Structure formats: structure tokens, C-alpha cells
Amino acid sequence: MKQLSGAIARVCLIVTGTLIAAIVIAAPAHADVSICEKYGSTTISSGRYVVMNNNWGDDTTQCINVTGTGFNVTTASHNRPTNGAPGAYPAVYYGCHYANCSSGSGLPLQASSSAFNTINTSVSMTLPGSGVWDAAYDIWFDPTPRTDGQNTGAEIMVWLNKLGSIQPVGSQVGTVSLGGATWNVWFGNIGWNVISYVRQSGVSSLDFNVNTFYTDAISRGYAQRSWYLTSIQAGFEPWVGQTGLAVNSFSVTTSGGGGDTSPPTTPGTLSASGVTSSGATLSWGGSSDNVGVTGYDVFRAPGTSGGSFTQVGTASGTTYAATGLSASTSYRFYVRARDAAGNTSGNSNTVTVTTTAGGGGGGSCRVGYVPNTWGNGFTATVTITNTGSTVINGWTLTFSFSGNQQITSGWQAAVTQSGQAVTARDLGYNASIPAGGGSTSFGFQGTYSGTNATPTAFKVNGAACS
């Protein structure tokens, strides 16, 4: 059994008939107070941040002492099974959590806005060498600018450190280098997407731009740029013990951690090489900035003209492997640079790539589609098997629904839908499918009414599959 997310239930609920209400108990709005109420909270820094006890998953007493810059856990005797959910999530946050909002945050904020790119956060913690716990950020996104209730978009967890045999919700889907460190990436869906980044080398402090992790989640198909950031939280999930854990300082700024407002220079000439039936290699000249470039965003549009550009990936260097393209099809690409403050450069020149004929699946593929239906909702697991004699390097799967099914989220593929037509693309790390029976799987969740009929015609890289 995998661990459930520590954010599954973080408010007190009273159920009377069909009425469900969230209760937030507020302590005096000043530092150096003790909070033992399960869901007690107070504010610090003149209301800019909220500190909450949030003992949501356990009935044992937990107390925190709130300081001028954070809090420390003074009483805790958690003893939860390590293959289940943690006992609590005491934390300090910026934004809105179940209608309890800090002052002047400007949240909710749409992730497509330029202001979102400038949001930086830092935390410093004290981490004892006993107990079983994780020290983690919890960053919430919702499809709407809501300030109350459970967010249903994406929950980004950033694990700075952990002690004991615990793991995030879901399963590991890859690794990634972000912000100068390597992270194990986990994904699960518990009614909303939970994307967890577990630092391979634990630390007690962290400083990063929120867009860095959110962009990676978007590139994996787990989040959307149109969603709204509602809160940034930093705290602890305890399973056993927890006394002694502390947030010494916490901040959220829009200044770029040093007041940098200068955008990077526009990347040099973008070109394409190594074009195949399913991909190409993009390369460009490096960008510069007074505080250094931290990465590049890659955008793609269909055809040789017209059509909208969407972000399809990121790169830490000046090359990018564009995979999952359809055979004999034209695409346009451009890149832009992003610095440590979240400032972005101008767009590079646009390069057009026309893939070669054939290749990819070459008609030698088999697709399995296994639905799980309930009420007016469903999930589906899709497996692509390469029955041919050559490796599939980069794949795009297309099919159409026969009814009014609507996909709401996906995992282990970038899944999009236009009308009844569905397109799923690999995420880079799972682009290769070995010949002679190798396979890869992905899944998605959706809604429907009437009949949830199983699709019958699938194509991989433009070639029909059995």
C-alpha cells in the first residue's frame, strides 16, 4: 500500500445531514503563543503568513509554539503506520487554505500570468535525528480562483528531507534536475493530481522559484498553465514522534531573491537536426543574465503557419530532444530563457520541422485499453506494445471517443483532447519502446454520461495498431 498524501484532509469537518463545514480555530495574531487545538492557527509577520497546527490525521495531542518567523513542535506522540497517511501537517503558509487567507498575498493567481513567474520562496528548518517524518512544501493549484474547500487541480509537494521508510502518494515516474539538485519524481491521483519531488540529498533549507517545479509538472501532463496558485505551505508530515521539528524562517517574495528585474537575453539562433519520423533535436545559442540563466522553455505549434503555441518542455542546457511527433507532419518551435528570479527573455526565432515518412510504430503495434467505470466517472489504463522489429523512439498515440467522454487529468503521458479526438504523447523518459514486445503504459481520468464505450481504433505515430 502506498502512502496517502498528507494533504487529503487538513481541516476539521462537521457533518450534519448533507452539510459539511470547515472550521479554522484562530489563536491571537502574535508570536510566541502555544497552539494545541487540532486545527488552531494564528498569523505572523503582520498577517503576511498563517501558522496552523493542523493535526488532521491523529487524535493524539500535538502542540506548536509560534515564533515571530515560524514555529516549533513542542508536544507530539504520533505513531502512525508508515504504509498509511501521516498524522498531521503543522505548517506556515502564504495564501488561502480553506477560506483562511493571509493578508496581501494576491492569491489565487493564475499560473499563466507574468507575476507567477516572479514568485520565490525560502525556508529554513531544524530537523531532529529521531522519529519518522518528512519536511516538505505543499503548493496548491485549482482550476478556478477558489479560496475555500479542497483544491482539485494539482498538489505540488517538495520534500526537502525525510527520516524513515516513507514515500509520497502514488509511484515514482522519473528523476529530474531542478534548482541545482536531483529529485525523484512521484505521481498519484487521489481526486486531484499529487506530484511529489523528493530531494535525493536531503537538506534543511531551500530557496526556489515556484514556477521551476510547476513547469516540470506541466511538461509531464500533470498540471495546466490555466490553473490558479492558491497557497504555498511549508511544514512537516509526521508518522512517529515529531517533537523538535521547527520552521525557523519562511518567506515568499516576488523580487527574485535579490531584487533582480533584468530579463535574460534572447537565446541565439534556433536550429533543428537529426529529424526522424517521430522527433528532432533542437539547439540554440545560450542566453545570459546578470544572475545567470536557470533554464529554457520550449514551445511548439502545429503546421507551418497558424495554430497556437503551447509549452511542451524545458531544458537546462541549449539542446532539446523533441519526441512524440507524428510522421510526415510539420511543426514549429521556439525557445525562451528563464532566470533564477523567474524573469523570461524574448522568444527566439521560429524553426519549422517536418518529420520523415514511416518510422515509429510502422504499423507494428498493439494497444490495450482497460477502463474502470463508476457513476459518471471513469479511469483508463492504456498500454502500447511494440510488436515490430525496430525500437519506437518517441511516440504519439491518437484515438477518438464515440460518446461524450471528457478527460480531466492524465499521468505518465501528456494527454490532450479536442472534441472526441484524444492525443497522448510520451514524456521523454518513457519515449523508447523496445522492439519485439516491449511496452509502456499511461492512464487518465474523465467523466461521461450515457455509455462509456471503449475506443476501437488507435494509431501510434500515424500508423494503425491492432
Protein backbone atom coordinates (compact mmCIF):
# COMPACT_ATOMS: atom_id res chain seq x y z
CA MET A 1 0.00 0.00 0.00
CA LYS A 2 1.36 3.42 -0.91
CA GLN A 3 1.25 6.32 1.48
CA LEU A 4 -1.70 8.66 1.10
CA SER A 5 -0.95 12.36 0.73
CA GLY A 6 -0.66 14.32 3.92
CA ALA A 7 -2.99 16.88 2.38
CA ILE A 8 -6.00 14.57 1.98
CA ALA A 9 -7.76 16.13 4.95
CA ARG A 10 -6.36 19.19 6.62
CA VAL A 11 -9.37 20.89 8.12
CA CYS A 12 -11.90 19.94 10.77
CA LEU A 13 -15.17 18.80 9.19
CA ILE A 14 -18.58 18.81 10.85
CA VAL A 15 -21.15 16.68 9.02
CA THR A 16 -24.82 17.32 9.79
CA GLY A 17 -27.14 15.75 7.26
CA THR A 18 -25.63 16.89 3.98
CA LEU A 19 -23.93 19.97 5.41
CA ILE A 20 -20.15 19.88 5.56
CA ALA A 21 -18.39 22.87 7.10
CA ALA A 22 -14.72 23.62 7.60
CA ILE A 23 -13.62 25.03 10.95
CA VAL A 24 -10.43 27.01 11.46
CA ILE A 25 -9.70 27.92 15.08
CA ALA A 26 -7.70 31.14 15.30
CA ALA A 27 -5.29 31.94 18.10
CA PRO A 28 -4.26 35.53 18.88
CA ALA A 29 -2.43 37.10 15.96
CA HIS A 30 1.00 37.41 17.54
CA ALA A 31 4.13 35.35 18.04
CA ASP A 32 5.26 33.21 20.99
CA VAL A 33 1.90 31.59 21.57
CA SER A 34 1.21 27.90 22.06
CA ILE A 35 -1.43 26.17 19.93
CA CYS A 36 -2.70 22.71 20.89
CA GLU A 37 -6.11 22.79 19.17
CA LYS A 38 -6.18 20.27 16.30
CA TYR A 39 -6.87 22.96 13.70
CA GLY A 40 -5.75 26.05 15.57
CA SER A 41 -3.95 28.82 13.69
CA THR A 42 -2.51 32.30 14.10
CA THR A 43 -0.73 34.86 11.93
CA ILE A 44 2.83 36.19 11.95
CA SER A 45 4.66 39.00 10.11
CA SER A 46 1.67 41.35 10.45
CA GLY A 47 -0.65 38.79 8.89
CA ARG A 48 1.51 38.02 5.85
CA TYR A 49 1.75 34.34 6.87
CA VAL A 50 -0.54 31.92 8.74
CA VAL A 51 0.78 29.21 11.07
CA MET A 52 -1.50 26.19 11.59
CA ASN A 53 -1.27 23.20 13.94
CA ASN A 54 -3.30 21.04 11.53
CA ASN A 55 -3.31 17.76 13.48
CA TRP A 56 -5.65 16.31 10.86
CA GLY A 57 -4.74 12.62 10.85
CA ASP A 58 -4.34 11.74 14.53
CA ASP A 59 -6.22 12.06 17.83
CA THR A 60 -3.08 12.36 19.98
CA THR A 61 -2.15 15.80 21.30
CA GLN A 62 0.09 17.95 19.16
CA CYS A 63 1.23 21.42 20.27
CA ILE A 64 3.28 24.02 18.44
CA ASN A 65 4.96 27.18 19.71
CA VAL A 66 4.64 30.04 17.23
CA THR A 67 7.61 32.40 16.93
CA GLY A 68 7.99 35.65 15.07
CA THR A 69 9.34 33.86 12.00
CA GLY A 70 7.92 30.33 12.19
CA PHE A 71 7.10 27.64 14.76
CA ASN A 72 8.44 24.59 16.57
CA VAL A 73 6.69 21.39 17.63
CA THR A 74 6.74 21.14 21.44
CA THR A 75 4.39 18.19 22.03
CA ALA A 76 3.78 15.22 19.73
CA SER A 77 3.41 11.48 20.19
CA HIS A 78 2.35 10.29 16.76
CA ASN A 79 2.67 6.58 16.00
CA ARG A 80 1.10 6.01 12.59
CA PRO A 81 1.76 3.01 10.28
CA THR A 82 4.39 4.01 7.74
CA ASN A 83 2.41 2.45 4.88
CA GLY A 84 -0.53 4.80 5.50
CA ALA A 85 -1.19 8.50 5.89
CA PRO A 86 0.78 10.71 8.31
CA GLY A 87 -0.67 12.13 11.49
CA ALA A 88 -0.59 15.86 10.78
CA TYR A 89 0.81 18.71 8.72
CA PRO A 90 1.78 21.61 11.00
CA ALA A 91 2.86 24.35 8.62
CA VAL A 92 3.24 28.02 7.85
CA TYR A 93 1.64 29.27 4.66
CA TYR A 94 1.08 32.18 2.29
CA GLY A 95 -2.27 32.48 0.51
CA CYS A 96 -5.60 30.78 1.22
CA HIS A 97 -6.32 27.48 2.94
CA TYR A 98 -9.98 26.52 3.45
CA ALA A 99 -11.11 30.20 3.48
CA ASN A 100 -8.39 31.24 5.96
CA CYS A 101 -6.26 33.67 3.95
CA SER A 102 -3.10 35.52 4.81
CA SER A 103 -3.14 39.25 4.11
CA GLY A 104 -1.87 40.86 0.93
CA SER A 105 -0.78 37.68 -0.85
CA GLY A 106 -2.57 38.40 -4.13
CA LEU A 107 -3.55 34.71 -4.30
CA PRO A 108 -5.26 33.00 -6.05
CA LEU A 109 -3.08 33.87 -9.05
CA GLN A 110 -3.29 32.27 -12.49
CA ALA A 111 -0.12 30.41 -13.42
CA SER A 112 -0.21 31.90 -16.92
CA SER A 113 0.35 35.44 -15.56
CA SER A 114 3.74 37.13 -15.70
CA ALA A 115 3.54 37.75 -11.93
CA PHE A 116 3.50 33.99 -11.30
CA ASN A 117 6.98 33.67 -12.80
CA THR A 118 8.41 36.00 -10.13
CA ILE A 119 7.20 34.08 -7.05
CA ASN A 120 10.08 32.78 -4.96
CA THR A 121 10.01 31.08 -1.58
CA SER A 122 12.57 30.05 1.01
CA VAL A 123 12.51 28.06 4.25
CA SER A 124 14.98 27.11 6.97
CA MET A 125 14.20 24.20 9.30
CA THR A 126 15.50 22.34 12.33
CA LEU A 127 15.34 18.58 11.70
CA PRO A 128 15.96 16.18 14.61
CA GLY A 129 17.50 12.77 14.04
CA SER A 130 14.65 10.76 15.54
CA GLY A 131 11.09 9.85 14.62
CA VAL A 132 9.60 9.22 11.19
CA TRP A 133 8.71 12.34 9.20
CA ASP A 134 9.13 14.33 6.03
CA ALA A 135 9.89 18.04 5.77
CA ALA A 136 8.01 19.34 2.74
CA TYR A 137 6.47 22.20 0.85
CA ASP A 138 2.83 21.78 -0.16
CA ILE A 139 1.90 24.07 -3.08
CA TRP A 140 -1.73 24.03 -4.21
CA PHE A 141 -3.39 24.76 -7.57
CA ASP A 142 -7.06 24.79 -8.56
CA PRO A 143 -8.75 25.12 -11.98
CA THR A 144 -10.70 28.09 -10.53
CA PRO A 145 -9.62 31.03 -8.31
CA ARG A 146 -11.18 29.49 -5.22
CA THR A 147 -10.20 30.40 -1.67
CA ASP A 148 -12.16 27.73 0.21
CA GLY A 149 -12.52 23.95 0.23
CA GLN A 150 -10.42 21.24 -1.39
CA ASN A 151 -8.38 22.23 -4.43
CA THR A 152 -8.90 19.82 -7.35
CA GLY A 153 -6.05 20.74 -9.72
CA ALA A 154 -2.52 19.90 -8.65
CA GLU A 155 -0.76 19.47 -5.32
CA ILE A 156 2.99 20.01 -5.71
CA MET A 157 4.93 18.55 -2.79
CA VAL A 158 8.64 19.39 -2.50
CA TRP A 159 10.32 17.08 0.02
CA LEU A 160 13.46 18.73 1.39
CA ASN A 161 14.23 15.82 3.67
CA LYS A 162 12.78 12.74 5.34
CA LEU A 163 13.54 10.19 8.03
CA GLY A 164 12.24 6.62 7.95
CA SER A 165 10.79 4.26 5.34
CA ILE A 166 8.10 6.58 3.97
CA GLN A 167 7.27 7.68 0.44
CA PRO A 168 4.88 10.02 -1.35
CA VAL A 169 1.49 9.06 -2.72
CA GLY A 170 1.48 7.06 -5.98
CA SER A 171 4.61 5.73 -7.64
CA GLN A 172 7.91 7.08 -8.91
CA VAL A 173 7.71 8.21 -12.54
CA GLY A 174 11.19 9.60 -13.10
CA THR A 175 14.03 11.83 -11.91
CA VAL A 176 14.80 15.44 -12.76
CA SER A 177 17.46 18.08 -12.10
CA LEU A 178 15.92 21.32 -10.85
CA GLY A 179 17.41 24.22 -8.95
CA GLY A 180 20.84 22.64 -8.78
CA ALA A 181 19.67 19.35 -7.24
CA THR A 182 18.39 15.96 -8.37
CA TRP A 183 14.87 14.93 -7.40
CA ASN A 184 12.90 11.69 -7.60
CA VAL A 185 9.51 12.48 -9.15
CA TRP A 186 6.37 10.71 -7.87
CA PHE A 187 2.81 10.89 -9.17
CA GLY A 188 -0.57 9.76 -7.89
CA ASN A 189 -4.18 10.85 -8.22
CA ILE A 190 -6.47 10.92 -5.16
CA GLY A 191 -9.22 13.04 -6.67
CA TRP A 192 -6.57 15.58 -7.68
CA ASN A 193 -3.04 15.20 -9.07
CA VAL A 194 -0.28 14.87 -6.48
CA ILE A 195 3.21 15.47 -7.89
CA SER A 196 5.98 14.98 -5.33
CA TYR A 197 9.62 15.94 -5.77
CA VAL A 198 11.85 14.09 -3.28
CA ARG A 199 15.37 15.51 -3.00
CA GLN A 200 17.94 12.73 -3.36
CA SER A 201 20.25 14.51 -0.92
CA GLY A 202 18.26 15.89 2.00
CA VAL A 203 18.71 19.48 3.22
CA SER A 204 17.31 21.65 5.99
CA SER A 205 16.83 24.80 3.90
CA LEU A 206 15.67 25.61 0.39
CA ASP A 207 15.21 28.66 -1.85
CA PHE A 208 13.47 28.29 -5.22
CA ASN A 209 11.16 29.78 -7.80
CA VAL A 210 7.71 28.15 -7.70
CA ASN A 211 7.46 28.13 -11.49
CA THR A 212 10.51 25.84 -11.70
CA PHE A 213 8.62 22.87 -10.27
CA TYR A 214 5.26 23.80 -11.79
CA THR A 215 6.72 23.97 -15.29
CA ASP A 216 8.12 20.47 -14.87
CA ALA A 217 4.70 19.21 -13.69
CA ILE A 218 3.10 20.78 -16.78
CA SER A 219 5.64 19.14 -19.08
CA ARG A 220 4.65 15.75 -17.62
CA GLY A 221 0.94 16.39 -18.28
CA TYR A 222 0.02 16.65 -14.58
CA ALA A 223 -0.82 20.37 -14.41
CA GLN A 224 -2.09 23.19 -16.57
CA ARG A 225 -0.90 26.77 -17.06
CA SER A 226 -4.51 27.99 -16.82
CA TRP A 227 -4.84 26.79 -13.19
CA TYR A 228 -4.55 29.09 -10.17
CA LEU A 229 -1.98 29.07 -7.38
CA THR A 230 -3.92 29.25 -4.09
CA SER A 231 -1.31 28.70 -1.35
CA ILE A 232 2.36 27.98 -0.64
CA GLN A 233 2.85 25.95 2.55
CA ALA A 234 5.95 24.62 4.33
CA GLY A 235 5.91 22.19 7.24
CA PHE A 236 6.14 18.57 8.32
CA GLU A 237 4.26 15.29 7.92
CA PRO A 238 4.90 13.08 10.97
CA TRP A 239 4.30 9.36 11.29
CA VAL A 240 6.22 8.69 14.50
CA GLY A 241 7.15 11.32 17.12
CA GLN A 242 7.87 14.80 15.73
CA THR A 243 8.80 16.85 18.80
CA GLY A 244 11.72 19.12 17.92
CA LEU A 245 10.88 19.78 14.29
CA ALA A 246 10.84 23.50 13.58
CA VAL A 247 10.43 26.06 10.82
CA ASN A 248 12.97 28.73 11.76
CA SER A 249 12.10 31.08 8.91
CA PHE A 250 9.77 31.15 5.91
CA SER A 251 9.26 33.72 3.18
CA VAL A 252 7.52 34.26 -0.12
CA THR A 253 8.72 37.11 -2.32
CA THR A 254 8.30 38.37 -5.86
CA SER A 255 11.68 40.07 -6.04
CA GLY A 256 13.67 37.11 -7.29
CA GLY A 257 15.65 36.57 -4.11
CA GLY A 258 17.88 39.58 -4.72
CA GLY A 259 15.81 42.18 -6.48
CA ASP A 260 16.76 41.04 -9.97
CA THR A 261 14.40 42.56 -12.52
CA SER A 262 16.62 42.22 -15.60
CA PRO A 263 15.36 39.60 -18.06
CA PRO A 264 17.82 37.19 -19.68
CA THR A 265 18.97 37.93 -23.20
CA THR A 266 17.09 36.29 -26.05
CA PRO A 267 18.54 32.84 -26.95
CA GLY A 268 20.72 32.63 -30.04
CA THR A 269 19.67 31.15 -33.37
CA LEU A 270 17.43 28.10 -33.01
CA SER A 271 18.00 25.21 -35.45
CA ALA A 272 16.89 21.59 -35.87
CA SER A 273 18.87 18.47 -36.75
CA GLY A 274 18.51 14.69 -36.63
CA VAL A 275 14.95 14.78 -37.94
CA THR A 276 13.21 11.38 -37.94
CA SER A 277 9.64 10.20 -38.37
CA SER A 278 8.91 10.90 -34.69
CA GLY A 279 11.35 13.53 -33.46
CA ALA A 280 14.18 16.01 -33.91
CA THR A 281 16.97 17.63 -31.93
CA LEU A 282 16.68 21.38 -31.31
CA SER A 283 19.72 23.52 -30.49
CA TRP A 284 20.28 27.24 -29.92
CA GLY A 285 22.77 29.79 -28.74
CA GLY A 286 22.99 30.39 -24.99
CA SER A 287 21.37 33.28 -23.16
CA SER A 288 22.95 35.41 -20.44
CA ASP A 289 21.80 37.49 -17.47
CA ASN A 290 23.41 39.19 -14.50
CA VAL A 291 22.30 36.42 -12.09
CA GLY A 292 22.55 33.51 -14.52
CA VAL A 293 20.12 31.56 -16.62
CA THR A 294 18.48 28.56 -14.92
CA GLY A 295 16.71 27.04 -17.90
CA TYR A 296 14.85 27.31 -21.17
CA ASP A 297 11.17 26.80 -22.00
CA VAL A 298 10.34 25.06 -25.30
CA PHE A 299 7.15 25.85 -27.24
CA ARG A 300 5.52 24.09 -30.20
CA ALA A 301 2.70 24.79 -32.68
CA PRO A 302 1.22 22.56 -35.39
CA GLY A 303 1.76 23.17 -39.10
CA THR A 304 3.88 25.70 -40.97
CA SER A 305 1.65 28.67 -40.09
CA GLY A 306 -1.26 29.50 -37.82
CA GLY A 307 -2.17 27.45 -34.78
CA SER A 308 -1.35 28.23 -31.14
CA PHE A 309 2.00 27.65 -29.47
CA THR A 310 1.96 25.63 -26.25
CA GLN A 311 4.83 24.83 -23.91
CA VAL A 312 5.99 21.23 -24.40
CA GLY A 313 9.09 21.02 -22.23
CA THR A 314 12.09 22.59 -20.53
CA ALA A 315 15.85 22.31 -20.96
CA SER A 316 18.73 23.06 -18.61
CA GLY A 317 21.19 23.35 -21.50
CA THR A 318 20.98 24.56 -25.09
CA THR A 319 19.60 21.40 -26.68
CA TYR A 320 16.24 19.68 -26.50
CA ALA A 321 15.03 16.32 -27.87
CA ALA A 322 11.60 16.89 -29.42
CA THR A 323 9.90 13.48 -29.30
CA GLY A 324 6.46 12.03 -29.87
CA LEU A 325 5.94 13.73 -33.25
CA SER A 326 3.78 12.23 -35.98
CA ALA A 327 5.30 11.00 -39.25
CA SER A 328 5.16 13.26 -42.34
CA THR A 329 3.95 16.19 -40.22
CA SER A 330 5.17 19.79 -39.84
CA TYR A 331 5.68 21.59 -36.52
CA ARG A 332 7.07 24.98 -35.47
CA PHE A 333 9.23 25.54 -32.38
CA TYR A 334 10.70 28.43 -30.42
CA VAL A 335 12.52 28.72 -27.07
CA ARG A 336 12.88 31.37 -24.39
CA ALA A 337 15.24 31.71 -21.40
CA ARG A 338 14.28 31.88 -17.71
CA ASP A 339 16.50 33.18 -14.87
CA ALA A 340 16.59 32.50 -11.13
CA ALA A 341 14.17 35.35 -10.45
CA GLY A 342 11.58 33.97 -12.85
CA ASN A 343 12.24 36.66 -15.46
CA THR A 344 11.90 35.44 -19.04
CA SER A 345 13.62 36.53 -22.23
CA GLY A 346 12.16 37.32 -25.59
CA ASN A 347 11.26 34.46 -27.89
CA SER A 348 13.92 33.00 -30.16
CA ASN A 349 13.42 32.70 -33.89
CA THR A 350 10.94 30.02 -35.00
CA VAL A 351 12.18 26.86 -36.70
CA THR A 352 9.96 24.53 -38.74
CA VAL A 353 10.45 20.76 -38.52
CA THR A 354 8.83 18.35 -40.99
CA THR A 355 9.19 14.74 -39.89
CA THR A 356 10.05 11.97 -42.32
CA ALA A 357 7.60 9.32 -43.53
CA GLY A 358 7.17 5.93 -41.84
CA GLY A 359 9.26 5.05 -38.80
CA GLY A 360 7.84 4.94 -35.29
CA GLY A 361 5.30 2.19 -34.94
CA GLY A 362 5.38 1.36 -38.64
CA GLY A 363 2.05 -0.46 -38.25
CA SER A 364 3.70 -2.95 -35.86
CA CYS A 365 1.97 -2.04 -32.62
CA ARG A 366 -0.80 -3.20 -30.34
CA VAL A 367 -2.84 -1.03 -27.95
CA GLY A 368 -4.68 -2.27 -24.88
CA TYR A 369 -7.36 -0.09 -23.29
CA VAL A 370 -8.69 -1.08 -19.84
CA PRO A 371 -11.43 1.18 -18.39
CA ASN A 372 -12.69 1.35 -14.81
CA THR A 373 -16.15 2.95 -14.75
CA TRP A 374 -18.29 4.23 -11.88
CA GLY A 375 -21.30 6.57 -11.81
CA ASN A 376 -20.47 9.30 -14.30
CA GLY A 377 -16.70 8.96 -13.94
CA PHE A 378 -14.01 6.61 -15.17
CA THR A 379 -10.29 5.94 -15.41
CA ALA A 380 -8.49 4.10 -18.18
CA THR A 381 -5.12 2.38 -18.43
CA VAL A 382 -3.63 2.36 -21.93
CA THR A 383 -0.75 0.05 -22.88
CA ILE A 384 1.24 0.43 -26.11
CA THR A 385 3.12 -2.70 -27.20
CA ASN A 386 5.77 -2.57 -29.92
CA THR A 387 5.30 -5.76 -31.95
CA GLY A 388 7.72 -4.63 -34.64
CA SER A 389 11.43 -5.32 -35.16
CA THR A 390 12.70 -1.77 -34.54
CA VAL A 391 12.65 0.39 -31.44
CA ILE A 392 9.99 3.11 -31.21
CA ASN A 393 11.92 6.26 -30.29
CA GLY A 394 9.24 8.77 -29.35
CA TRP A 395 5.52 8.05 -29.61
CA THR A 396 2.23 9.85 -30.14
CA LEU A 397 -0.95 7.83 -29.67
CA THR A 398 -4.20 9.07 -31.20
CA PHE A 399 -7.77 7.77 -30.91
CA SER A 400 -11.33 9.07 -30.67
CA PHE A 401 -14.18 8.54 -28.24
CA SER A 402 -17.57 7.61 -29.68
CA GLY A 403 -19.55 9.35 -26.92
CA ASN A 404 -19.23 12.49 -24.81
CA GLN A 405 -16.33 11.34 -22.61
CA GLN A 406 -14.19 14.19 -21.30
CA ILE A 407 -10.68 13.65 -19.93
CA THR A 408 -9.92 15.67 -16.77
CA SER A 409 -6.37 14.55 -15.91
CA GLY A 410 -3.70 12.10 -17.02
CA TRP A 411 -0.46 10.53 -15.87
CA GLN A 412 2.71 9.16 -17.49
CA ALA A 413 1.76 10.89 -20.77
CA ALA A 414 0.83 14.37 -21.96
CA VAL A 415 -2.85 13.80 -22.74
CA THR A 416 -4.93 16.39 -24.61
CA GLN A 417 -8.42 16.28 -26.06
CA SER A 418 -10.16 18.23 -28.84
CA GLY A 419 -13.79 17.28 -29.22
CA GLN A 420 -13.83 13.48 -29.32
CA ALA A 421 -10.22 13.24 -30.56
CA VAL A 422 -7.54 12.36 -27.99
CA THR A 423 -3.77 12.70 -28.34
CA ALA A 424 -1.26 11.25 -25.86
CA ARG A 425 2.48 11.94 -26.13
CA ASP A 426 5.43 10.46 -24.30
CA LEU A 427 7.14 12.45 -21.53
CA GLY A 428 10.71 11.95 -22.69
CA TYR A 429 11.77 9.46 -20.02
CA ASN A 430 9.31 6.89 -21.45
CA ALA A 431 9.80 7.75 -25.14
CA SER A 432 11.55 4.50 -26.07
CA ILE A 433 9.56 1.26 -26.52
CA PRO A 434 11.79 -1.77 -27.20
CA ALA A 435 11.15 -3.94 -30.26
CA GLY A 436 9.73 -7.44 -30.10
CA GLY A 437 7.05 -6.94 -27.46
CA GLY A 438 8.31 -4.04 -25.36
CA SER A 439 5.55 -1.88 -23.90
CA THR A 440 4.75 1.29 -21.99
CA SER A 441 1.58 2.36 -20.17
CA PHE A 442 -0.15 5.57 -19.16
CA GLY A 443 -3.55 6.46 -17.77
CA PHE A 444 -6.16 9.18 -17.45
CA GLN A 445 -9.32 10.08 -15.55
CA GLY A 446 -12.52 11.50 -17.02
CA THR A 447 -16.26 11.99 -16.88
CA TYR A 448 -19.08 10.84 -19.14
CA SER A 449 -22.84 10.43 -19.45
CA GLY A 450 -24.74 7.74 -21.29
CA THR A 451 -22.43 4.94 -22.39
CA ASN A 452 -18.69 4.87 -21.75
CA ALA A 453 -17.80 2.92 -24.89
CA THR A 454 -14.22 1.68 -25.34
CA PRO A 455 -12.37 3.23 -28.33
CA THR A 456 -11.57 0.73 -31.08
CA ALA A 457 -9.15 2.48 -33.47
CA PHE A 458 -5.68 3.53 -32.29
CA LYS A 459 -2.67 4.95 -34.13
CA VAL A 460 0.91 5.29 -32.96
CA ASN A 461 2.92 7.92 -34.83
CA GLY A 462 0.25 7.91 -37.51
CA ALA A 463 0.28 4.13 -38.10
CA ALA A 464 -2.74 2.00 -37.24
CA CYS A 465 -2.33 -0.52 -34.41
CA SER A 466 -4.13 -3.76 -33.74
